[in-house]
Amino acid sequence: MFSKILIANRGEIAVRIIRACKEMGVATVAVFSEADRDALHVSLADESVCIGPARVQDSYLNMPSILSAAVKTGAQAIHPGYGLLSENARFAELCEKCHIHFIGPDAKLISELGDKDAAKRTMREAGVPVVPGSEIVPDVEAAKKAAKEIGFPLLVKARAGGGGRGIRLVNTEAELEPAFLASSKEAEAAFGDGACYLEKYLDPVKHIEMQILCDNFDNVVCLGERECSIQRKHQKLLEESPACCITPEMRARMMDAAAKAAHAVHYRSLGTIEFLVDSDRNFYFMEMNTRLQVEHPVTEFVTGLDLVKWQIRAAAGIELPFHQEDIRLNGHAIECRINAEDPENHFMPSCGRISLLHIPGGPWVRFDTALYQDYSVPPYYDSLLGKLIVHAPTREEAVRKMKAALAELVIEGVTHTADLQMDILSDPDFLDGSYTTDFMEKRGAE
């Protein structure tokens, strides 16, 4: 086991990882930008190192500064959390060259699975169903030719990256050229790779993901699914587990497909296989995320496993002591993301000093956050303030518990999305489980 880990992240996920390390008896190093000098993760860690100015490119994406901090403090491993450098193959490669363990899959795996086009080919060969689509299309003319074969509507999707960037919906041939050029330009700017491919647009669909955990001994365990269909601009707002649209037989088939996907690439560490499920309950591989997910607490509640600890243990070469037949999904969990945004003003980001903070409590209520009284939310980073997670024996009870927790949550000083989450939980389509990925668009139109 590692004796010291550097956390190459900030906010609630840095706090979450530091807490897991403390419980494991592992020393921690926090890195921070000048804007985060007073952040909670800095005070919780055993050591802390400033790695640059406020701009994320100069600090949390500054690979030389982060690696220098790891070497200077004697950290044996780096946990990247999610976002930022968590799926950056170059960073994982540099960690290897510096003889520092990257807590995640190796650089080769990250690169292979980050190429969505190549990943789909691999999954198709492994017998995992994939969404119909094209190979990489090098230019507009090639895109037009491929589009005629696929048919409209379709999606233009960037090969690299994530978070909804580099994706455009195309309903007609006239829309294809501007959409293709916009996706390519956005992906080039965000990820340094403007390559795009086309994919059949399935509608309506649900977004269901399977959590897997793999060690260095070819053991693969699937920890069940998460329903992630409530999204805004491809960014998830609310997640739950189990998914009420999934039958036991379908769950078994999806878990088998997820295991096949992991074995096909000899996967290591935590990972998430994302599927689209159509109205006929056919499911299709969409992509694989090679990192800890924002919504991992939902799976922790229904399985009773600490995913961060097991991710660290897997990176340290510890074999999983349990097998697939040992995994049981108990009860129902829901997570609401509380973002510093104004839903009444086109989701304009908000920042400012937290003048009053009250965190809800009670059995099976959890709020993962880096907030504290008088903390100033900076304007430079992701808008996530925290994640409110609840667990109950049934979905109906979990919904009631979440509503009670949201009603008790008080965050004054910034505008946030707690009231929006309360509205979602009261929507008939949410309550009967029929909601799909266009839930927010429909709701906005109404």
Foldseek 3Di string as FASTA:
>chain_A
DWQEEEELDAWLQLVVLLVLCVVVNHAYEYEDAPLCPVFQSCVSGPYYYYQYHDFCVRGSLPLVSSVVVCVVVVGQEYEHGDPRCFLPLVSLVVCVVVNHFYLFWHSVVSVQQQQQLNLQVLLVVLVAFAFDWDHWQPALVSQLVRCVVQDPFKWKAFRGDDPLQLIDTDGDNVVRHVSLVRSLVRCCVPPVGSIIIMGYDAPFKWKKKWKWAAAQPLAIAILAIKTFQAADSRHGFKIKPPQPVADPVLRVVVRVSVSSSCNSSVGHAMKMFIWIAHPVRDIHTRGMGGHDDPPVVNSCQQFVDDRSNSSVCRSVRHHDPDHHVVTGGAFMKMKGWKFLFDPVPVRHHKWFFFQDWDADDDPFWDKRTRDDHRDTGDPNDGGTGIMIMGGDRYPVVNLVVLLVRLVRTDTPTTDICSVVVNVQSPDPCVVVSVDGNCVVVVVVVD
